[in-house]
Amino acid sequence: MADLNIRDNRPQGRFEAYQDGEAVGVIAYFALAATPSALVAVHTVVEEGHEGKGIAGTLVREFYAMAAREGVSVVPLCSYAAGWAQRHPDEAPEAPAETVSAAKEQLKASPRRW
């Protein structure tokens, strides 16, 4: 796999992977408005023709690393991100239950966005 360029497009709620200038994957997410803050992964998508190359895993790993740098939790509501977190507990600390509940409530409040 060629090097990925990972970009955080926070205003659009997109954590994006590019390869040779082409968008190849994305995590759709939002920042939790409640305290404590968290980054909430809603969907992880890899573009057709790029599946099976480790792009989704790299995106999730980098998403957790970004959250760690910011000192916030990740709430993986996306099934792929949740599964990745279970397989990599050393890189993906579990968010507190109240943070997960707040993330689910915020998601429920604006379902059309996702």
PDB file of N, CA and C in Angstrom:
ATOM      1  N   MET A   1       0.838  -1.172   0.000  1.00  0.00           N
ATOM      2  CA  MET A   1       0.000   0.000   0.000  1.00  0.00           C
ATOM      3  C   MET A   1       0.888   1.242   0.000  1.00  0.00           C
ATOM      4  N   ALA A   2       0.601   2.159  -0.888  1.00  0.00           N
ATOM      5  CA  ALA A   2       1.326   3.429  -0.921  1.00  0.00           C
ATOM      6  C   ALA A   2       0.966   4.237   0.321  1.00  0.00           C
ATOM      7  N   ASP A   3       1.797   5.211   0.624  1.00  0.00           N
ATOM      8  CA  ASP A   3       1.548   6.045   1.799  1.00  0.00           C
ATOM      9  C   ASP A   3       0.204   6.748   1.702  1.00  0.00           C
ATOM     10  N   LEU A   4      -0.470   6.819   2.842  1.00  0.00           N
ATOM     11  CA  LEU A   4      -1.733   7.537   2.927  1.00  0.00           C
ATOM     12  C   LEU A   4      -1.484   8.920   3.498  1.00  0.00           C
ATOM     13  N   ASN A   5      -2.206   9.881   2.992  1.00  0.00           N
ATOM     14  CA  ASN A   5      -2.216  11.224   3.540  1.00  0.00           C
ATOM     15  C   ASN A   5      -3.530  11.344   4.301  1.00  0.00           C
ATOM     16  N   ILE A   6      -3.456  11.521   5.611  1.00  0.00           N
ATOM     17  CA  ILE A   6      -4.643  11.593   6.453  1.00  0.00           C
ATOM     18  C   ILE A   6      -4.921  13.060   6.770  1.00  0.00           C
ATOM     19  N   ARG A   7      -6.173  13.470   6.577  1.00  0.00           N
ATOM     20  CA  ARG A   7      -6.567  14.863   6.826  1.00  0.00           C
ATOM     21  C   ARG A   7      -7.805  14.904   7.713  1.00  0.00           C
ATOM     22  N   ASP A   8      -7.773  15.801   8.680  1.00  0.00           N
ATOM     23  CA  ASP A   8      -8.939  16.031   9.526  1.00  0.00           C
ATOM     24  C   ASP A   8      -9.704  17.225   8.976  1.00  0.00           C
ATOM     25  N   ASN A   9     -10.876  16.969   8.439  1.00  0.00           N
ATOM     26  CA  ASN A   9     -11.750  18.023   7.930  1.00  0.00           C
ATOM     27  C   ASN A   9     -12.873  18.199   8.959  1.00  0.00           C
ATOM     28  N   ARG A  10     -12.518  18.748  10.104  1.00  0.00           N
ATOM     29  CA  ARG A  10     -13.459  18.842  11.224  1.00  0.00           C
ATOM     30  C   ARG A  10     -14.719  19.640  10.899  1.00  0.00           C
ATOM     31  N   PRO A  11     -14.630  20.759  10.173  1.00  0.00           N
ATOM     32  CA  PRO A  11     -15.873  21.488   9.878  1.00  0.00           C
ATOM     33  C   PRO A  11     -16.910  20.629   9.138  1.00  0.00           C
ATOM     34  N   GLN A  12     -16.444  19.675   8.346  1.00  0.00           N
ATOM     35  CA  GLN A  12     -17.345  18.786   7.609  1.00  0.00           C
ATOM     36  C   GLN A  12     -17.576  17.458   8.337  1.00  0.00           C
ATOM     37  N   GLY A  13     -16.888  17.252   9.457  1.00  0.00           N
ATOM     38  CA  GLY A  13     -17.025  15.999  10.195  1.00  0.00           C
ATOM     39  C   GLY A  13     -16.479  14.816   9.420  1.00  0.00           C
ATOM     40  N   ARG A  14     -15.325  15.024   8.781  1.00  0.00           N
ATOM     41  CA  ARG A  14     -14.731  13.977   7.946  1.00  0.00           C
ATOM     42  C   ARG A  14     -13.247  13.829   8.288  1.00  0.00           C
ATOM     43  N   PHE A  15     -12.843  12.608   8.573  1.00  0.00           N
ATOM     44  CA  PHE A  15     -11.445  12.258   8.782  1.00  0.00           C
ATOM     45  C   PHE A  15     -11.070  11.449   7.549  1.00  0.00           C
ATOM     46  N   GLU A  16     -10.271  12.035   6.660  1.00  0.00           N
ATOM     47  CA  GLU A  16     -10.133  11.536   5.292  1.00  0.00           C
ATOM     48  C   GLU A  16      -8.757  10.946   5.002  1.00  0.00           C
ATOM     49  N   ALA A  17      -8.758   9.905   4.169  1.00  0.00           N
ATOM     50  CA  ALA A  17      -7.518   9.286   3.697  1.00  0.00           C
ATOM     51  C   ALA A  17      -7.400   9.527   2.199  1.00  0.00           C
ATOM     52  N   TYR A  18      -6.226   9.990   1.787  1.00  0.00           N
ATOM     53  CA  TYR A  18      -5.930  10.213   0.371  1.00  0.00           C
ATOM     54  C   TYR A  18      -4.702   9.404   0.000  1.00  0.00           C
ATOM     55  N   GLN A  19      -4.721   8.895  -1.218  1.00  0.00           N
ATOM     56  CA  GLN A  19      -3.589   8.154  -1.760  1.00  0.00           C
ATOM     57  C   GLN A  19      -3.329   8.706  -3.151  1.00  0.00           C
ATOM     58  N   ASP A  20      -2.144   9.236  -3.353  1.00  0.00           N
ATOM     59  CA  ASP A  20      -1.791   9.853  -4.635  1.00  0.00           C
ATOM     60  C   ASP A  20      -2.819  10.897  -5.048  1.00  0.00           C
ATOM     61  N   GLY A  21      -3.298  11.684  -4.076  1.00  0.00           N
ATOM     62  CA  GLY A  21      -4.246  12.757  -4.344  1.00  0.00           C
ATOM     63  C   GLY A  21      -5.696  12.335  -4.479  1.00  0.00           C
ATOM     64  N   GLU A  22      -5.962  11.038  -4.429  1.00  0.00           N
ATOM     65  CA  GLU A  22      -7.323  10.517  -4.582  1.00  0.00           C
ATOM     66  C   GLU A  22      -7.903  10.165  -3.212  1.00  0.00           C
ATOM     67  N   ALA A  23      -9.143  10.587  -2.960  1.00  0.00           N
ATOM     68  CA  ALA A  23      -9.826  10.221  -1.718  1.00  0.00           C
ATOM     69  C   ALA A  23     -10.107   8.726  -1.752  1.00  0.00           C
ATOM     70  N   VAL A  24      -9.625   7.997  -0.729  1.00  0.00           N
ATOM     71  CA  VAL A  24      -9.790   6.540  -0.718  1.00  0.00           C
ATOM     72  C   VAL A  24     -10.544   6.032   0.504  1.00  0.00           C
ATOM     73  N   GLY A  25     -10.746   6.880   1.499  1.00  0.00           N
ATOM     74  CA  GLY A  25     -11.471   6.444   2.682  1.00  0.00           C
ATOM     75  C   GLY A  25     -11.819   7.608   3.578  1.00  0.00           C
ATOM     76  N   VAL A  26     -12.813   7.372   4.443  1.00  0.00           N
ATOM     77  CA  VAL A  26     -13.259   8.443   5.334  1.00  0.00           C
ATOM     78  C   VAL A  26     -13.922   7.857   6.576  1.00  0.00           C
ATOM     79  N   ILE A  27     -13.748   8.543   7.682  1.00  0.00           N
ATOM     80  CA  ILE A  27     -14.559   8.320   8.873  1.00  0.00           C
ATOM     81  C   ILE A  27     -15.440   9.551   9.006  1.00  0.00           C
ATOM     82  N   ALA A  28     -16.752   9.346   8.982  1.00  0.00           N
ATOM     83  CA  ALA A  28     -17.688  10.432   9.276  1.00  0.00           C
ATOM     84  C   ALA A  28     -17.806  10.501  10.794  1.00  0.00           C
ATOM     85  N   TYR A  29     -17.685  11.699  11.355  1.00  0.00           N
ATOM     86  CA  TYR A  29     -17.683  11.822  12.810  1.00  0.00           C
ATOM     87  C   TYR A  29     -18.200  13.179  13.249  1.00  0.00           C
ATOM     88  N   PHE A  30     -18.446  13.286  14.543  1.00  0.00           N
ATOM     89  CA  PHE A  30     -18.755  14.585  15.128  1.00  0.00           C
ATOM     90  C   PHE A  30     -18.057  14.696  16.474  1.00  0.00           C
ATOM     91  N   ALA A  31     -17.882  15.942  16.905  1.00  0.00           N
ATOM     92  CA  ALA A  31     -17.328  16.200  18.231  1.00  0.00           C
ATOM     93  C   ALA A  31     -18.501  16.315  19.192  1.00  0.00           C
ATOM     94  N   LEU A  32     -18.445  15.580  20.262  1.00  0.00           N
ATOM     95  CA  LEU A  32     -19.506  15.588  21.260  1.00  0.00           C
ATOM     96  C   LEU A  32     -19.594  16.964  21.900  1.00  0.00           C
ATOM     97  N   ALA A  33     -20.785  17.522  21.914  1.00  0.00           N
ATOM     98  CA  ALA A  33     -20.989  18.855  22.479  1.00  0.00           C
ATOM     99  C   ALA A  33     -20.957  18.845  24.003  1.00  0.00           C
ATOM    100  N   ALA A  34     -21.339  17.731  24.606  1.00  0.00           N
ATOM    101  CA  ALA A  34     -21.397  17.629  26.068  1.00  0.00           C
ATOM    102  C   ALA A  34     -19.999  17.500  26.664  1.00  0.00           C
ATOM    103  N   THR A  35     -19.921  17.739  27.952  1.00  0.00           N
ATOM    104  CA  THR A  35     -18.680  17.533  28.682  1.00  0.00           C
ATOM    105  C   THR A  35     -18.777  16.198  29.408  1.00  0.00           C
ATOM    106  N   PRO A  36     -17.775  15.338  29.379  1.00  0.00           N
ATOM    107  CA  PRO A  36     -16.494  15.554  28.713  1.00  0.00           C
ATOM    108  C   PRO A  36     -16.617  15.383  27.203  1.00  0.00           C
ATOM    109  N   SER A  37     -15.789  16.108  26.515  1.00  0.00           N
ATOM    110  CA  SER A  37     -15.810  16.063  25.061  1.00  0.00           C
ATOM    111  C   SER A  37     -15.286  14.717  24.558  1.00  0.00           C
ATOM    112  N   ALA A  38     -15.686  14.391  23.341  1.00  0.00           N
ATOM    113  CA  ALA A  38     -15.219  13.154  22.702  1.00  0.00           C
ATOM    114  C   ALA A  38     -15.378  13.308  21.201  1.00  0.00           C
ATOM    115  N   LEU A  39     -14.677  12.475  20.455  1.00  0.00           N
ATOM    116  CA  LEU A  39     -14.870  12.373  19.013  1.00  0.00           C
ATOM    117  C   LEU A  39     -15.670  11.108  18.771  1.00  0.00           C
ATOM    118  N   VAL A  40     -16.745  11.235  18.006  1.00  0.00           N
ATOM    119  CA  VAL A  40     -17.689  10.135  17.826  1.00  0.00           C
ATOM    120  C   VAL A  40     -17.645   9.656  16.379  1.00  0.00           C
ATOM    121  N   ALA A  41     -17.118   8.453  16.165  1.00  0.00           N
ATOM    122  CA  ALA A  41     -17.042   7.854  14.826  1.00  0.00           C
ATOM    123  C   ALA A  41     -18.402   7.249  14.489  1.00  0.00           C
ATOM    124  N   VAL A  42     -18.999   7.708  13.380  1.00  0.00           N
ATOM    125  CA  VAL A  42     -20.336   7.264  12.993  1.00  0.00           C
ATOM    126  C   VAL A  42     -20.283   6.260  11.841  1.00  0.00           C
ATOM    127  N   HIS A  43     -19.456   6.518  10.843  1.00  0.00           N
ATOM    128  CA  HIS A  43     -19.322   5.612   9.693  1.00  0.00           C
ATOM    129  C   HIS A  43     -17.864   5.580   9.247  1.00  0.00           C
ATOM    130  N   THR A  44     -17.404   4.425   8.806  1.00  0.00           N
ATOM    131  CA  THR A  44     -16.098   4.293   8.162  1.00  0.00           C
ATOM    132  C   THR A  44     -16.347   3.699   6.786  1.00  0.00           C
ATOM    133  N   VAL A  45     -15.830   4.377   5.759  1.00  0.00           N
ATOM    134  CA  VAL A  45     -16.062   3.946   4.383  1.00  0.00           C
ATOM    135  C   VAL A  45     -14.737   3.948   3.628  1.00  0.00           C
ATOM    136  N   VAL A  46     -14.490   2.885   2.880  1.00  0.00           N
ATOM    137  CA  VAL A  46     -13.347   2.817   1.968  1.00  0.00           C
ATOM    138  C   VAL A  46     -13.916   2.738   0.558  1.00  0.00           C
ATOM    139  N   GLU A  47     -13.376   3.548  -0.324  1.00  0.00           N
ATOM    140  CA  GLU A  47     -13.883   3.617  -1.694  1.00  0.00           C
ATOM    141  C   GLU A  47     -13.677   2.300  -2.438  1.00  0.00           C
ATOM    142  N   GLU A  48     -14.592   2.023  -3.342  1.00  0.00           N
ATOM    143  CA  GLU A  48     -14.533   0.813  -4.159  1.00  0.00           C
ATOM    144  C   GLU A  48     -13.184   0.720  -4.873  1.00  0.00           C
ATOM    145  N   GLY A  49     -12.628  -0.460  -4.866  1.00  0.00           N
ATOM    146  CA  GLY A  49     -11.335  -0.691  -5.490  1.00  0.00           C
ATOM    147  C   GLY A  49     -10.164  -0.515  -4.536  1.00  0.00           C
ATOM    148  N   HIS A  50     -10.452  -0.022  -3.339  1.00  0.00           N
ATOM    149  CA  HIS A  50      -9.392   0.193  -2.351  1.00  0.00           C
ATOM    150  C   HIS A  50      -9.594  -0.656  -1.101  1.00  0.00           C
ATOM    151  N   GLU A  51     -10.608  -1.510  -1.123  1.00  0.00           N
ATOM    152  CA  GLU A  51     -10.889  -2.366   0.019  1.00  0.00           C
ATOM    153  C   GLU A  51      -9.761  -3.381   0.219  1.00  0.00           C
ATOM    154  N   GLY A  52      -9.620  -3.836   1.458  1.00  0.00           N
ATOM    155  CA  GLY A  52      -8.655  -4.892   1.759  1.00  0.00           C
ATOM    156  C   GLY A  52      -7.205  -4.462   1.757  1.00  0.00           C
ATOM    157  N   LYS A  53      -6.955  -3.157   1.787  1.00  0.00           N
ATOM    158  CA  LYS A  53      -5.581  -2.651   1.757  1.00  0.00           C
ATOM    159  C   LYS A  53      -5.153  -2.030   3.085  1.00  0.00           C
ATOM    160  N   GLY A  54      -5.979  -2.188   4.114  1.00  0.00           N
ATOM    161  CA  GLY A  54      -5.633  -1.647   5.421  1.00  0.00           C
ATOM    162  C   GLY A  54      -5.982  -0.185   5.617  1.00  0.00           C
ATOM    163  N   ILE A  55      -6.715   0.388   4.685  1.00  0.00           N
ATOM    164  CA  ILE A  55      -7.040   1.815   4.764  1.00  0.00           C
ATOM    165  C   ILE A  55      -7.955   2.105   5.946  1.00  0.00           C
ATOM    166  N   ALA A  56      -9.001   1.311   6.121  1.00  0.00           N
ATOM    167  CA  ALA A  56      -9.937   1.546   7.227  1.00  0.00           C
ATOM    168  C   ALA A  56      -9.226   1.432   8.570  1.00  0.00           C
ATOM    169  N   GLY A  57      -8.390   0.419   8.723  1.00  0.00           N
ATOM    170  CA  GLY A  57      -7.653   0.254   9.967  1.00  0.00           C
ATOM    171  C   GLY A  57      -6.718   1.420  10.238  1.00  0.00           C
ATOM    172  N   THR A  58      -6.052   1.894   9.200  1.00  0.00           N
ATOM    173  CA  THR A  58      -5.165   3.047   9.355  1.00  0.00           C
ATOM    174  C   THR A  58      -5.959   4.280   9.756  1.00  0.00           C
ATOM    175  N   LEU A  59      -7.111   4.478   9.129  1.00  0.00           N
ATOM    176  CA  LEU A  59      -7.959   5.618   9.490  1.00  0.00           C
ATOM    177  C   LEU A  59      -8.357   5.566  10.962  1.00  0.00           C
ATOM    178  N   VAL A  60      -8.821   4.416  11.418  1.00  0.00           N
ATOM    179  CA  VAL A  60      -9.267   4.304  12.808  1.00  0.00           C
ATOM    180  C   VAL A  60      -8.094   4.491  13.763  1.00  0.00           C
ATOM    181  N   ARG A  61      -6.956   3.888  13.454  1.00  0.00           N
ATOM    182  CA  ARG A  61      -5.767   4.047  14.309  1.00  0.00           C
ATOM    183  C   ARG A  61      -5.382   5.530  14.419  1.00  0.00           C
ATOM    184  N   GLU A  62      -5.371   6.224  13.307  1.00  0.00           N
ATOM    185  CA  GLU A  62      -5.012   7.645  13.309  1.00  0.00           C
ATOM    186  C   GLU A  62      -6.078   8.500  13.988  1.00  0.00           C
ATOM    187  N   PHE A  63      -7.341   8.089  13.885  1.00  0.00           N
ATOM    188  CA  PHE A  63      -8.432   8.793  14.553  1.00  0.00           C
ATOM    189  C   PHE A  63      -8.244   8.719  16.072  1.00  0.00           C
ATOM    190  N   TYR A  64      -7.930   7.521  16.576  1.00  0.00           N
ATOM    191  CA  TYR A  64      -7.657   7.365  18.008  1.00  0.00           C
ATOM    192  C   TYR A  64      -6.415   8.157  18.412  1.00  0.00           C
ATOM    193  N   ALA A  65      -5.401   8.178  17.581  1.00  0.00           N
ATOM    194  CA  ALA A  65      -4.184   8.926  17.897  1.00  0.00           C
ATOM    195  C   ALA A  65      -4.477  10.424  17.971  1.00  0.00           C
ATOM    196  N   MET A  66      -5.305  10.930  17.052  1.00  0.00           N
ATOM    197  CA  MET A  66      -5.675  12.344  17.077  1.00  0.00           C
ATOM    198  C   MET A  66      -6.415  12.667  18.377  1.00  0.00           C
ATOM    199  N   ALA A  67      -7.366  11.812  18.748  1.00  0.00           N
ATOM    200  CA  ALA A  67      -8.121  12.031  19.984  1.00  0.00           C
ATOM    201  C   ALA A  67      -7.186  12.035  21.194  1.00  0.00           C
ATOM    202  N   ALA A  68      -6.223  11.131  21.215  1.00  0.00           N
ATOM    203  CA  ALA A  68      -5.269  11.074  22.325  1.00  0.00           C
ATOM    204  C   ALA A  68      -4.459  12.365  22.411  1.00  0.00           C
ATOM    205  N   ARG A  69      -4.030  12.880  21.262  1.00  0.00           N
ATOM    206  CA  ARG A  69      -3.281  14.145  21.255  1.00  0.00           C
ATOM    207  C   ARG A  69      -4.129  15.288  21.809  1.00  0.00           C
ATOM    208  N   GLU A  70      -5.435  15.227  21.552  1.00  0.00           N
ATOM    209  CA  GLU A  70      -6.351  16.272  22.014  1.00  0.00           C
ATOM    210  C   GLU A  70      -6.844  16.025  23.439  1.00  0.00           C
ATOM    211  N   GLY A  71      -6.525  14.864  23.991  1.00  0.00           N
ATOM    212  CA  GLY A  71      -6.937  14.548  25.351  1.00  0.00           C
ATOM    213  C   GLY A  71      -8.419  14.245  25.495  1.00  0.00           C
ATOM    214  N   VAL A  72      -9.024  13.689  24.431  1.00  0.00           N
ATOM    215  CA  VAL A  72     -10.448  13.344  24.473  1.00  0.00           C
ATOM    216  C   VAL A  72     -10.636  11.869  24.146  1.00  0.00           C
ATOM    217  N   SER A  73     -11.792  11.352  24.505  1.00  0.00           N
ATOM    218  CA  SER A  73     -12.138   9.960  24.220  1.00  0.00           C
ATOM    219  C   SER A  73     -12.648   9.820  22.795  1.00  0.00           C
ATOM    220  N   VAL A  74     -12.682   8.577  22.333  1.00  0.00           N
ATOM    221  CA  VAL A  74     -13.356   8.223  21.081  1.00  0.00           C
ATOM    222  C   VAL A  74     -14.539   7.344  21.446  1.00  0.00           C
ATOM    223  N   VAL A  75     -15.683   7.656  20.845  1.00  0.00           N
ATOM    224  CA  VAL A  75     -16.862   6.802  20.973  1.00  0.00           C
ATOM    225  C   VAL A  75     -17.075   6.168  19.598  1.00  0.00           C
ATOM    226  N   PRO A  76     -16.776   4.881  19.451  1.00  0.00           N
ATOM    227  CA  PRO A  76     -16.889   4.227  18.138  1.00  0.00           C
ATOM    228  C   PRO A  76     -18.299   3.672  17.900  1.00  0.00           C
ATOM    229  N   LEU A  77     -19.210   4.514  17.418  1.00  0.00           N
ATOM    230  CA  LEU A  77     -20.562   4.049  17.109  1.00  0.00           C
ATOM    231  C   LEU A  77     -20.608   3.319  15.772  1.00  0.00           C
ATOM    232  N   CYS A  78     -19.603   3.515  14.954  1.00  0.00           N
ATOM    233  CA  CYS A  78     -19.448   2.785  13.693  1.00  0.00           C
ATOM    234  C   CYS A  78     -19.027   1.346  14.008  1.00  0.00           C
ATOM    235  N   SER A  79     -19.663   0.384  13.366  1.00  0.00           N
ATOM    236  CA  SER A  79     -19.361  -1.021  13.661  1.00  0.00           C
ATOM    237  C   SER A  79     -17.909  -1.379  13.342  1.00  0.00           C
ATOM    238  N   TYR A  80     -17.352  -0.817  12.269  1.00  0.00           N
ATOM    239  CA  TYR A  80     -15.962  -1.132  11.946  1.00  0.00           C
ATOM    240  C   TYR A  80     -15.036  -0.585  13.034  1.00  0.00           C
ATOM    241  N   ALA A  81     -15.232   0.680  13.405  1.00  0.00           N
ATOM    242  CA  ALA A  81     -14.374   1.291  14.421  1.00  0.00           C
ATOM    243  C   ALA A  81     -14.514   0.574  15.762  1.00  0.00           C
ATOM    244  N   ALA A  82     -15.730   0.157  16.100  1.00  0.00           N
ATOM    245  CA  ALA A  82     -15.951  -0.569  17.356  1.00  0.00           C
ATOM    246  C   ALA A  82     -15.221  -1.910  17.345  1.00  0.00           C
ATOM    247  N   GLY A  83     -15.287  -2.616  16.235  1.00  0.00           N
ATOM    248  CA  GLY A  83     -14.579  -3.890  16.119  1.00  0.00           C
ATOM    249  C   GLY A  83     -13.077  -3.706  16.182  1.00  0.00           C
ATOM    250  N   TRP A  84     -12.577  -2.667  15.516  1.00  0.00           N
ATOM    251  CA  TRP A  84     -11.145  -2.381  15.539  1.00  0.00           C
ATOM    252  C   TRP A  84     -10.708  -2.094  16.974  1.00  0.00           C
ATOM    253  N   ALA A  85     -11.509  -1.308  17.692  1.00  0.00           N
ATOM    254  CA  ALA A  85     -11.170  -0.959  19.074  1.00  0.00           C
ATOM    255  C   ALA A  85     -11.101  -2.206  19.955  1.00  0.00           C
ATOM    256  N   GLN A  86     -12.002  -3.148  19.744  1.00  0.00           N
ATOM    257  CA  GLN A  86     -11.975  -4.386  20.526  1.00  0.00           C
ATOM    258  C   GLN A  86     -10.717  -5.199  20.239  1.00  0.00           C
ATOM    259  N   ARG A  87     -10.247  -5.161  18.997  1.00  0.00           N
ATOM    260  CA  ARG A  87      -9.048  -5.921  18.624  1.00  0.00           C
ATOM    261  C   ARG A  87      -7.750  -5.217  19.029  1.00  0.00           C
ATOM    262  N   HIS A  88      -7.823  -3.914  19.332  1.00  0.00           N
ATOM    263  CA  HIS A  88      -6.628  -3.123  19.658  1.00  0.00           C
ATOM    264  C   HIS A  88      -6.844  -2.319  20.944  1.00  0.00           C
ATOM    265  N   PRO A  89      -7.133  -2.978  22.050  1.00  0.00           N
ATOM    266  CA  PRO A  89      -7.439  -2.231  23.277  1.00  0.00           C
ATOM    267  C   PRO A  89      -6.280  -1.366  23.779  1.00  0.00           C
ATOM    268  N   ASP A  90      -5.051  -1.724  23.419  1.00  0.00           N
ATOM    269  CA  ASP A  90      -3.902  -0.922  23.835  1.00  0.00           C
ATOM    270  C   ASP A  90      -3.854   0.420  23.118  1.00  0.00           C
ATOM    271  N   GLU A  91      -4.476   0.521  21.950  1.00  0.00           N
ATOM    272  CA  GLU A  91      -4.497   1.764  21.180  1.00  0.00           C
ATOM    273  C   GLU A  91      -5.840   2.469  21.247  1.00  0.00           C
ATOM    274  N   ALA A  92      -6.844   1.796  21.799  1.00  0.00           N
ATOM    275  CA  ALA A  92      -8.213   2.312  21.755  1.00  0.00           C
ATOM    276  C   ALA A  92      -8.868   2.207  23.131  1.00  0.00           C
ATOM    277  N   PRO A  93      -8.510   3.114  24.040  1.00  0.00           N
ATOM    278  CA  PRO A  93      -9.123   3.048  25.362  1.00  0.00           C
ATOM    279  C   PRO A  93     -10.639   3.242  25.279  1.00  0.00           C
ATOM    280  N   GLU A  94     -11.331   2.513  26.128  1.00  0.00           N
ATOM    281  CA  GLU A  94     -12.793   2.570  26.135  1.00  0.00           C
ATOM    282  C   GLU A  94     -13.263   3.896  26.728  1.00  0.00           C
ATOM    283  N   ALA A  95     -14.248   4.505  26.071  1.00  0.00           N
ATOM    284  CA  ALA A  95     -14.820   5.758  26.568  1.00  0.00           C
ATOM    285  C   ALA A  95     -15.707   5.467  27.777  1.00  0.00           C
ATOM    286  N   PRO A  96     -15.795   6.409  28.710  1.00  0.00           N
ATOM    287  CA  PRO A  96     -16.687   6.225  29.856  1.00  0.00           C
ATOM    288  C   PRO A  96     -18.142   6.047  29.398  1.00  0.00           C
ATOM    289  N   ALA A  97     -18.898   5.262  30.146  1.00  0.00           N
ATOM    290  CA  ALA A  97     -20.284   4.953  29.784  1.00  0.00           C
ATOM    291  C   ALA A  97     -21.129   6.209  29.613  1.00  0.00           C
ATOM    292  N   GLU A  98     -20.932   7.210  30.466  1.00  0.00           N
ATOM    293  CA  GLU A  98     -21.733   8.436  30.338  1.00  0.00           C
ATOM    294  C   GLU A  98     -21.398   9.196  29.060  1.00  0.00           C
ATOM    295  N   THR A  99     -20.163   9.103  28.605  1.00  0.00           N
ATOM    296  CA  THR A  99     -19.769   9.744  27.348  1.00  0.00           C
ATOM    297  C   THR A  99     -20.422   9.027  26.175  1.00  0.00           C
ATOM    298  N   VAL A 100     -20.446   7.703  26.219  1.00  0.00           N
ATOM    299  CA  VAL A 100     -21.102   6.914  25.168  1.00  0.00           C
ATOM    300  C   VAL A 100     -22.588   7.254  25.120  1.00  0.00           C
ATOM    301  N   SER A 101     -23.236   7.342  26.270  1.00  0.00           N
ATOM    302  CA  SER A 101     -24.663   7.687  26.316  1.00  0.00           C
ATOM    303  C   SER A 101     -24.913   9.073  25.735  1.00  0.00           C
ATOM    304  N   ALA A 102     -24.077  10.044  26.089  1.00  0.00           N
ATOM    305  CA  ALA A 102     -24.230  11.400  25.561  1.00  0.00           C
ATOM    306  C   ALA A 102     -24.035  11.422  24.049  1.00  0.00           C
ATOM    307  N   ALA A 103     -23.087  10.636  23.544  1.00  0.00           N
ATOM    308  CA  ALA A 103     -22.848  10.568  22.097  1.00  0.00           C
ATOM    309  C   ALA A 103     -24.058   9.990  21.376  1.00  0.00           C
ATOM    310  N   LYS A 104     -24.642   8.938  21.935  1.00  0.00           N
ATOM    311  CA  LYS A 104     -25.827   8.327  21.319  1.00  0.00           C
ATOM    312  C   LYS A 104     -27.001   9.298  21.314  1.00  0.00           C
ATOM    313  N   GLU A 105     -27.154  10.070  22.374  1.00  0.00           N
ATOM    314  CA  GLU A 105     -28.235  11.061  22.432  1.00  0.00           C
ATOM    315  C   GLU A 105     -28.022  12.160  21.395  1.00  0.00           C
ATOM    316  N   GLN A 106     -26.778  12.633  21.260  1.00  0.00           N
ATOM    317  CA  GLN A 106     -26.503  13.674  20.268  1.00  0.00           C
ATOM    318  C   GLN A 106     -26.739  13.140  18.864  1.00  0.00           C
ATOM    319  N   LEU A 107     -26.363  11.901  18.603  1.00  0.00           N
ATOM    320  CA  LEU A 107     -26.597  11.296  17.291  1.00  0.00           C
ATOM    321  C   LEU A 107     -28.094  11.181  17.020  1.00  0.00           C
ATOM    322  N   LYS A 108     -28.845  10.753  18.020  1.00  0.00           N
ATOM    323  CA  LYS A 108     -30.291  10.598  17.868  1.00  0.00           C
ATOM    324  C   LYS A 108     -30.967  11.946  17.581  1.00  0.00           C
ATOM    325  N   ALA A 109     -30.399  13.032  18.099  1.00  0.00           N
ATOM    326  CA  ALA A 109     -30.978  14.362  17.923  1.00  0.00           C
ATOM    327  C   ALA A 109     -30.843  14.884  16.495  1.00  0.00           C
ATOM    328  N   SER A 110     -29.901  14.342  15.719  1.00  0.00           N
ATOM    329  CA  SER A 110     -29.720  14.800  14.330  1.00  0.00           C
ATOM    330  C   SER A 110     -29.461  13.620  13.398  1.00  0.00           C
ATOM    331  N   PRO A 111     -30.412  12.677  13.298  1.00  0.00           N
ATOM    332  CA  PRO A 111     -30.173  11.461  12.509  1.00  0.00           C
ATOM    333  C   PRO A 111     -30.034  11.710  11.007  1.00  0.00           C
ATOM    334  N   ARG A 112     -30.637  12.753  10.494  1.00  0.00           N
ATOM    335  CA  ARG A 112     -30.564  13.005   9.041  1.00  0.00           C
ATOM    336  C   ARG A 112     -29.160  13.355   8.579  1.00  0.00           C
ATOM    337  N   ARG A 113     -28.380  13.894   9.483  1.00  0.00           N
ATOM    338  CA  ARG A 113     -27.005  14.247   9.108  1.00  0.00           C
ATOM    339  C   ARG A 113     -26.194  13.010   8.776  1.00  0.00           C
ATOM    340  N   TRP A 114     -26.546  11.875   9.393  1.00  0.00           N
ATOM    341  CA  TRP A 114     -25.753  10.664   9.248  1.00  0.00           C
ATOM    342  C   TRP A 114     -26.469   9.657   8.418  1.00  0.00           C
TER     343      TRP A 114
END
